[in-house]
């Protein structure tokens, strides 16, 4: 009987934890943003673009323009998923509620959930152990929900708060944001969906065969 394929190796190509993921990442300074507001011009930022941190905010956190629903997803559904994700990963629900939230979220396609997942890291501080733990659980859940097709890797060791590790965490999350922004720009959302669907169908068939259901 054919065995279930292993998850892809975590390399620069397969993982989103890559400096290449930041190429072209737009960033405006606080002065530029203020000048734009004073002139009354249309905002220069697009979804996924970085926002400047406040004067008292450390570089270990970042802000970006939140992503919107994928094509065909109602704004009300997306808002509900976002609330459930925030409660699940940024709140402190009891174990029973966690299971309930996981079940509710499982009804939505992971590709449609992806922008809502990514939006949750806006404002997380990768020098804060609690935020690191939450980001780690959030990204791992996303990775598993799409059958390990794409991965964002952050160091989840909360005892390591060296500047290099903190910087690598920020880079990884920024790469996740930039990857989805590029996916939208290049109109490859449906290709991503089809590949996840193909992988899911193949693995599900193998699981059924293993259980003797085929």
C-alpha atoms as a PDB file:
ATOM      1  CA  UNK A   1       0.000   0.000   0.000  1.00  0.00           C
ATOM      2  CA  UNK A   2       1.340   3.390  -0.905  1.00  0.00           C
ATOM      3  CA  UNK A   3       2.352   5.450   2.085  1.00  0.00           C
ATOM      4  CA  UNK A   4       1.218   9.001   2.666  1.00  0.00           C
ATOM      5  CA  UNK A   5       3.743  11.507   1.266  1.00  0.00           C
ATOM      6  CA  UNK A   6       5.810  13.459   3.715  1.00  0.00           C
ATOM      7  CA  UNK A   7       5.398  17.189   4.079  1.00  0.00           C
ATOM      8  CA  UNK A   8       7.539  19.275   1.721  1.00  0.00           C
ATOM      9  CA  UNK A   9      10.995  20.087   2.982  1.00  0.00           C
ATOM     10  CA  UNK A  10      11.212  23.483   4.601  1.00  0.00           C
ATOM     11  CA  UNK A  11      13.392  25.329   2.132  1.00  0.00           C
ATOM     12  CA  UNK A  12      13.480  28.881   0.868  1.00  0.00           C
ATOM     13  CA  UNK A  13      11.343  27.744  -2.056  1.00  0.00           C
ATOM     14  CA  UNK A  14       8.678  25.870  -0.090  1.00  0.00           C
ATOM     15  CA  UNK A  15       8.663  28.058   2.989  1.00  0.00           C
ATOM     16  CA  UNK A  16       7.539  31.646   3.250  1.00  0.00           C
ATOM     17  CA  UNK A  17      10.340  32.331   5.742  1.00  0.00           C
ATOM     18  CA  UNK A  18      12.613  33.980   3.217  1.00  0.00           C
ATOM     19  CA  UNK A  19      14.198  37.321   2.502  1.00  0.00           C
ATOM     20  CA  UNK A  20      12.929  36.850  -1.056  1.00  0.00           C
ATOM     21  CA  UNK A  21       9.426  37.178   0.316  1.00  0.00           C
ATOM     22  CA  UNK A  22      10.145  40.789   1.183  1.00  0.00           C
ATOM     23  CA  UNK A  23      11.278  41.961  -2.243  1.00  0.00           C
ATOM     24  CA  UNK A  24       9.205  44.964  -3.224  1.00  0.00           C
ATOM     25  CA  UNK A  25       7.585  45.263   0.203  1.00  0.00           C
ATOM     26  CA  UNK A  26       6.306  48.868   0.191  1.00  0.00           C
ATOM     27  CA  UNK A  27       7.004  50.986   3.247  1.00  0.00           C
ATOM     28  CA  UNK A  28       6.232  54.631   3.889  1.00  0.00           C
ATOM     29  CA  UNK A  29       7.672  56.790   6.610  1.00  0.00           C
ATOM     30  CA  UNK A  30       5.557  58.524   9.214  1.00  0.00           C
ATOM     31  CA  UNK A  31       6.372  61.895   7.592  1.00  0.00           C
ATOM     32  CA  UNK A  32       5.207  60.687   4.192  1.00  0.00           C
ATOM     33  CA  UNK A  33       1.975  59.342   5.624  1.00  0.00           C
ATOM     34  CA  UNK A  34       1.313  62.597   7.479  1.00  0.00           C
ATOM     35  CA  UNK A  35       1.975  64.660   4.364  1.00  0.00           C
ATOM     36  CA  UNK A  36      -0.479  62.546   2.411  1.00  0.00           C
ATOM     37  CA  UNK A  37      -3.171  63.042   5.061  1.00  0.00           C
ATOM     38  CA  UNK A  38      -2.627  66.808   5.216  1.00  0.00           C
ATOM     39  CA  UNK A  39      -2.967  67.149   1.436  1.00  0.00           C
ATOM     40  CA  UNK A  40      -6.223  65.246   1.540  1.00  0.00           C
ATOM     41  CA  UNK A  41      -5.044  62.901  -1.189  1.00  0.00           C
ATOM     42  CA  UNK A  42      -6.247  59.356  -1.621  1.00  0.00           C
ATOM     43  CA  UNK A  43      -4.312  56.886   0.584  1.00  0.00           C
ATOM     44  CA  UNK A  44      -1.196  55.679  -1.201  1.00  0.00           C
ATOM     45  CA  UNK A  45      -1.199  52.318   0.555  1.00  0.00           C
ATOM     46  CA  UNK A  46      -2.731  49.158  -0.865  1.00  0.00           C
ATOM     47  CA  UNK A  47      -3.828  46.062   1.027  1.00  0.00           C
ATOM     48  CA  UNK A  48      -0.810  44.316   2.482  1.00  0.00           C
ATOM     49  CA  UNK A  49       1.410  47.400   2.437  1.00  0.00           C
ATOM     50  CA  UNK A  50       3.282  48.127   5.649  1.00  0.00           C
ATOM     51  CA  UNK A  51       2.137  50.994   7.818  1.00  0.00           C
ATOM     52  CA  UNK A  52       4.708  53.016   9.782  1.00  0.00           C
ATOM     53  CA  UNK A  53       4.989  52.152  13.462  1.00  0.00           C
ATOM     54  CA  UNK A  54       4.092  54.731  16.053  1.00  0.00           C
ATOM     55  CA  UNK A  55       6.917  56.673  17.744  1.00  0.00           C
ATOM     56  CA  UNK A  56       6.746  54.521  20.884  1.00  0.00           C
ATOM     57  CA  UNK A  57       6.401  51.182  19.076  1.00  0.00           C
ATOM     58  CA  UNK A  58       9.408  48.842  18.768  1.00  0.00           C
ATOM     59  CA  UNK A  59      10.602  47.430  15.423  1.00  0.00           C
ATOM     60  CA  UNK A  60       9.729  43.956  16.712  1.00  0.00           C
ATOM     61  CA  UNK A  61       6.098  44.575  15.743  1.00  0.00           C
ATOM     62  CA  UNK A  62       4.693  45.810  12.472  1.00  0.00           C
ATOM     63  CA  UNK A  63       1.439  47.021  10.988  1.00  0.00           C
ATOM     64  CA  UNK A  64       0.000  46.558   7.525  1.00  0.00           C
ATOM     65  CA  UNK A  65      -3.166  47.371   5.630  1.00  0.00           C
ATOM     66  CA  UNK A  66      -5.462  44.390   6.374  1.00  0.00           C
ATOM     67  CA  UNK A  67      -6.453  42.059   3.574  1.00  0.00           C
ATOM     68  CA  UNK A  68      -9.994  41.820   2.274  1.00  0.00           C
ATOM     69  CA  UNK A  69     -12.116  38.745   1.476  1.00  0.00           C
ATOM     70  CA  UNK A  70     -11.278  36.634  -1.554  1.00  0.00           C
ATOM     71  CA  UNK A  71     -13.560  36.890  -4.571  1.00  0.00           C
ATOM     72  CA  UNK A  72     -17.016  35.498  -3.916  1.00  0.00           C
ATOM     73  CA  UNK A  73     -16.778  35.626  -0.110  1.00  0.00           C
ATOM     74  CA  UNK A  74     -19.350  37.821   1.611  1.00  0.00           C
ATOM     75  CA  UNK A  75     -17.970  40.575   3.828  1.00  0.00           C
ATOM     76  CA  UNK A  76     -20.195  39.388   6.689  1.00  0.00           C
ATOM     77  CA  UNK A  77     -18.780  35.847   6.491  1.00  0.00           C
ATOM     78  CA  UNK A  78     -15.220  37.157   6.399  1.00  0.00           C
ATOM     79  CA  UNK A  79     -15.875  39.362   9.426  1.00  0.00           C
ATOM     80  CA  UNK A  80     -17.297  36.378  11.312  1.00  0.00           C
ATOM     81  CA  UNK A  81     -14.300  34.201  10.469  1.00  0.00           C
ATOM     82  CA  UNK A  82     -11.990  36.996  11.589  1.00  0.00           C
ATOM     83  CA  UNK A  83     -13.792  37.215  14.932  1.00  0.00           C
ATOM     84  CA  UNK A  84     -13.543  33.466  15.436  1.00  0.00           C
ATOM     85  CA  UNK A  85      -9.835  33.439  14.538  1.00  0.00           C
ATOM     86  CA  UNK A  86      -9.116  36.324  16.900  1.00  0.00           C
ATOM     87  CA  UNK A  87     -10.974  34.564  19.716  1.00  0.00           C
ATOM     88  CA  UNK A  88      -9.282  31.251  18.970  1.00  0.00           C
ATOM     89  CA  UNK A  89      -5.683  32.415  18.660  1.00  0.00           C
ATOM     90  CA  UNK A  90      -5.478  35.839  20.288  1.00  0.00           C
ATOM     91  CA  UNK A  91      -7.959  35.254  23.083  1.00  0.00           C
ATOM     92  CA  UNK A  92      -7.910  32.643  25.823  1.00  0.00           C
ATOM     93  CA  UNK A  93     -10.890  30.360  25.193  1.00  0.00           C
ATOM     94  CA  UNK A  94     -11.479  27.233  27.269  1.00  0.00           C
ATOM     95  CA  UNK A  95     -10.572  23.926  25.639  1.00  0.00           C
ATOM     96  CA  UNK A  96     -14.196  23.135  24.770  1.00  0.00           C
ATOM     97  CA  UNK A  97     -14.604  26.534  23.117  1.00  0.00           C
ATOM     98  CA  UNK A  98     -11.365  26.012  21.187  1.00  0.00           C
ATOM     99  CA  UNK A  99     -12.777  22.799  19.746  1.00  0.00           C
ATOM    100  CA  UNK A 100     -16.030  24.563  18.899  1.00  0.00           C
ATOM    101  CA  UNK A 101     -14.170  27.377  17.118  1.00  0.00           C
ATOM    102  CA  UNK A 102     -12.021  24.895  15.210  1.00  0.00           C
ATOM    103  CA  UNK A 103     -15.171  23.128  14.040  1.00  0.00           C
ATOM    104  CA  UNK A 104     -16.802  26.391  12.952  1.00  0.00           C
ATOM    105  CA  UNK A 105     -13.727  27.471  11.020  1.00  0.00           C
ATOM    106  CA  UNK A 106     -13.315  24.076   9.356  1.00  0.00           C
ATOM    107  CA  UNK A 107     -16.487  24.735   7.351  1.00  0.00           C
ATOM    108  CA  UNK A 108     -14.726  27.487   5.391  1.00  0.00           C
ATOM    109  CA  UNK A 109     -12.164  26.768   2.674  1.00  0.00           C
ATOM    110  CA  UNK A 110      -8.654  27.379   3.964  1.00  0.00           C
ATOM    111  CA  UNK A 111      -7.797  29.529   0.927  1.00  0.00           C
ATOM    112  CA  UNK A 112     -10.704  31.843   1.749  1.00  0.00           C
ATOM    113  CA  UNK A 113      -9.595  31.854   5.382  1.00  0.00           C
ATOM    114  CA  UNK A 114      -5.983  32.699   4.504  1.00  0.00           C
ATOM    115  CA  UNK A 115      -6.315  36.519   4.433  1.00  0.00           C
ATOM    116  CA  UNK A 116      -8.209  36.405   7.735  1.00  0.00           C
ATOM    117  CA  UNK A 117      -5.437  34.265   9.225  1.00  0.00           C
ATOM    118  CA  UNK A 118      -2.731  36.674   8.046  1.00  0.00           C
ATOM    119  CA  UNK A 119      -4.618  39.710   9.342  1.00  0.00           C
ATOM    120  CA  UNK A 120      -4.310  38.318  12.872  1.00  0.00           C
ATOM    121  CA  UNK A 121      -0.556  39.020  13.012  1.00  0.00           C
ATOM    122  CA  UNK A 122      -1.032  42.764  12.487  1.00  0.00           C
ATOM    123  CA  UNK A 123       0.404  44.429  15.593  1.00  0.00           C
ATOM    124  CA  UNK A 124       1.900  41.317  17.195  1.00  0.00           C
ATOM    125  CA  UNK A 125       5.246  41.910  18.889  1.00  0.00           C
ATOM    126  CA  UNK A 126       7.867  39.264  18.114  1.00  0.00           C
ATOM    127  CA  UNK A 127       9.805  40.287  21.223  1.00  0.00           C
ATOM    128  CA  UNK A 128       6.823  39.427  23.435  1.00  0.00           C
ATOM    129  CA  UNK A 129       6.802  35.729  24.473  1.00  0.00           C
ATOM    130  CA  UNK A 130       3.006  35.600  24.592  1.00  0.00           C
ATOM    131  CA  UNK A 131       2.698  37.068  21.093  1.00  0.00           C
ATOM    132  CA  UNK A 132       5.346  34.666  19.787  1.00  0.00           C
ATOM    133  CA  UNK A 133       3.401  31.687  21.164  1.00  0.00           C
ATOM    134  CA  UNK A 134       0.164  32.917  19.621  1.00  0.00           C
ATOM    135  CA  UNK A 135       1.773  33.613  16.248  1.00  0.00           C
ATOM    136  CA  UNK A 136       3.352  30.173  16.338  1.00  0.00           C
ATOM    137  CA  UNK A 137       0.048  28.427  16.983  1.00  0.00           C
ATOM    138  CA  UNK A 138      -1.724  30.554  14.369  1.00  0.00           C
ATOM    139  CA  UNK A 139       0.797  29.818  11.611  1.00  0.00           C
ATOM    140  CA  UNK A 140       0.974  26.115  12.496  1.00  0.00           C
ATOM    141  CA  UNK A 141      -2.818  25.782  12.332  1.00  0.00           C
ATOM    142  CA  UNK A 142      -2.845  27.433   8.888  1.00  0.00           C
ATOM    143  CA  UNK A 143      -0.034  25.156   7.700  1.00  0.00           C
ATOM    144  CA  UNK A 144      -1.879  22.003   8.762  1.00  0.00           C
ATOM    145  CA  UNK A 145      -5.271  23.155   7.442  1.00  0.00           C
ATOM    146  CA  UNK A 146      -3.879  23.362   3.883  1.00  0.00           C
ATOM    147  CA  UNK A 147      -2.302  19.917   4.192  1.00  0.00           C
ATOM    148  CA  UNK A 148       1.181  21.408   4.674  1.00  0.00           C
ATOM    149  CA  UNK A 149       1.216  22.916   1.176  1.00  0.00           C
ATOM    150  CA  UNK A 150       2.750  26.264   2.166  1.00  0.00           C
ATOM    151  CA  UNK A 151       4.529  27.103   5.388  1.00  0.00           C
ATOM    152  CA  UNK A 152       5.575  30.160   7.329  1.00  0.00           C
ATOM    153  CA  UNK A 153       8.290  29.352   9.847  1.00  0.00           C
ATOM    154  CA  UNK A 154       8.889  31.334  13.007  1.00  0.00           C
ATOM    155  CA  UNK A 155      11.132  30.414  15.920  1.00  0.00           C
ATOM    156  CA  UNK A 156       8.679  29.464  18.681  1.00  0.00           C
ATOM    157  CA  UNK A 157      11.286  29.235  21.441  1.00  0.00           C
ATOM    158  CA  UNK A 158      10.094  31.976  23.784  1.00  0.00           C
ATOM    159  CA  UNK A 159      13.299  31.676  25.803  1.00  0.00           C
ATOM    160  CA  UNK A 160      15.260  33.009  22.838  1.00  0.00           C
ATOM    161  CA  UNK A 161      14.803  36.755  22.616  1.00  0.00           C
ATOM    162  CA  UNK A 162      18.077  37.566  20.902  1.00  0.00           C
ATOM    163  CA  UNK A 163      17.932  40.391  18.393  1.00  0.00           C
ATOM    164  CA  UNK A 164      18.715  37.973  15.547  1.00  0.00           C
ATOM    165  CA  UNK A 165      15.831  35.653  16.463  1.00  0.00           C
ATOM    166  CA  UNK A 166      13.401  38.529  16.935  1.00  0.00           C
ATOM    167  CA  UNK A 167      14.402  39.939  13.555  1.00  0.00           C
ATOM    168  CA  UNK A 168      13.953  36.543  11.890  1.00  0.00           C
ATOM    169  CA  UNK A 169      10.446  36.236  13.336  1.00  0.00           C
ATOM    170  CA  UNK A 170       9.481  39.657  11.999  1.00  0.00           C
ATOM    171  CA  UNK A 171      10.966  38.776   8.609  1.00  0.00           C
ATOM    172  CA  UNK A 172       8.977  35.523   8.481  1.00  0.00           C
ATOM    173  CA  UNK A 173       5.661  37.215   9.228  1.00  0.00           C
ATOM    174  CA  UNK A 174       6.357  40.045   6.791  1.00  0.00           C
ATOM    175  CA  UNK A 175       7.130  37.409   4.155  1.00  0.00           C
ATOM    176  CA  UNK A 176       3.719  35.809   4.847  1.00  0.00           C
ATOM    177  CA  UNK A 177       2.033  39.166   4.267  1.00  0.00           C
ATOM    178  CA  UNK A 178       4.038  39.860   1.130  1.00  0.00           C
ATOM    179  CA  UNK A 179       3.375  36.353  -0.250  1.00  0.00           C
ATOM    180  CA  UNK A 180      -0.380  36.887  -0.083  1.00  0.00           C
ATOM    181  CA  UNK A 181      -0.025  40.374  -1.557  1.00  0.00           C
ATOM    182  CA  UNK A 182       1.921  38.921  -4.508  1.00  0.00           C
ATOM    183  CA  UNK A 183      -0.653  36.146  -4.848  1.00  0.00           C
ATOM    184  CA  UNK A 184      -3.369  38.771  -5.227  1.00  0.00           C
ATOM    185  CA  UNK A 185      -1.302  40.942  -7.571  1.00  0.00           C
ATOM    186  CA  UNK A 186      -0.503  38.009  -9.857  1.00  0.00           C
ATOM    187  CA  UNK A 187      -4.071  36.641  -9.821  1.00  0.00           C
ATOM    188  CA  UNK A 188      -2.891  33.257  -8.583  1.00  0.00           C
ATOM    189  CA  UNK A 189      -5.443  32.726  -5.797  1.00  0.00           C
ATOM    190  CA  UNK A 190      -7.346  30.155  -7.837  1.00  0.00           C
ATOM    191  CA  UNK A 191      -4.134  28.333  -8.726  1.00  0.00           C
ATOM    192  CA  UNK A 192      -3.315  28.178  -5.034  1.00  0.00           C
ATOM    193  CA  UNK A 193      -6.840  26.885  -4.342  1.00  0.00           C
ATOM    194  CA  UNK A 194      -6.613  24.205  -7.033  1.00  0.00           C
ATOM    195  CA  UNK A 195      -3.276  22.946  -5.745  1.00  0.00           C
ATOM    196  CA  UNK A 196      -4.546  22.753  -2.172  1.00  0.00           C
ATOM    197  CA  UNK A 197      -7.700  20.977  -3.384  1.00  0.00           C
ATOM    198  CA  UNK A 198      -5.663  18.474  -5.406  1.00  0.00           C
ATOM    199  CA  UNK A 199      -3.395  17.740  -2.455  1.00  0.00           C
ATOM    200  CA  UNK A 200      -6.358  17.413  -0.080  1.00  0.00           C
ATOM    201  CA  UNK A 201      -8.194  15.050  -2.435  1.00  0.00           C
ATOM    202  CA  UNK A 202      -5.115  12.867  -2.940  1.00  0.00           C
ATOM    203  CA  UNK A 203      -4.384  12.580   0.765  1.00  0.00           C
ATOM    204  CA  UNK A 204      -8.029  11.943   1.622  1.00  0.00           C
ATOM    205  CA  UNK A 205      -8.164   9.116  -0.939  1.00  0.00           C
ATOM    206  CA  UNK A 206      -5.061   7.586   0.590  1.00  0.00           C
ATOM    207  CA  UNK A 207      -6.539   7.864   4.082  1.00  0.00           C
ATOM    208  CA  UNK A 208      -9.739   6.145   2.922  1.00  0.00           C
ATOM    209  CA  UNK A 209      -7.695   3.390   1.285  1.00  0.00           C
ATOM    210  CA  UNK A 210      -5.755   2.955   4.498  1.00  0.00           C
ATOM    211  CA  UNK A 211      -9.041   2.624   6.395  1.00  0.00           C
ATOM    212  CA  UNK A 212     -10.287   0.095   3.845  1.00  0.00           C
ATOM    213  CA  UNK A 213     -13.048   2.348   2.541  1.00  0.00           C
ATOM    214  CA  UNK A 214     -12.091   2.113  -1.127  1.00  0.00           C
END
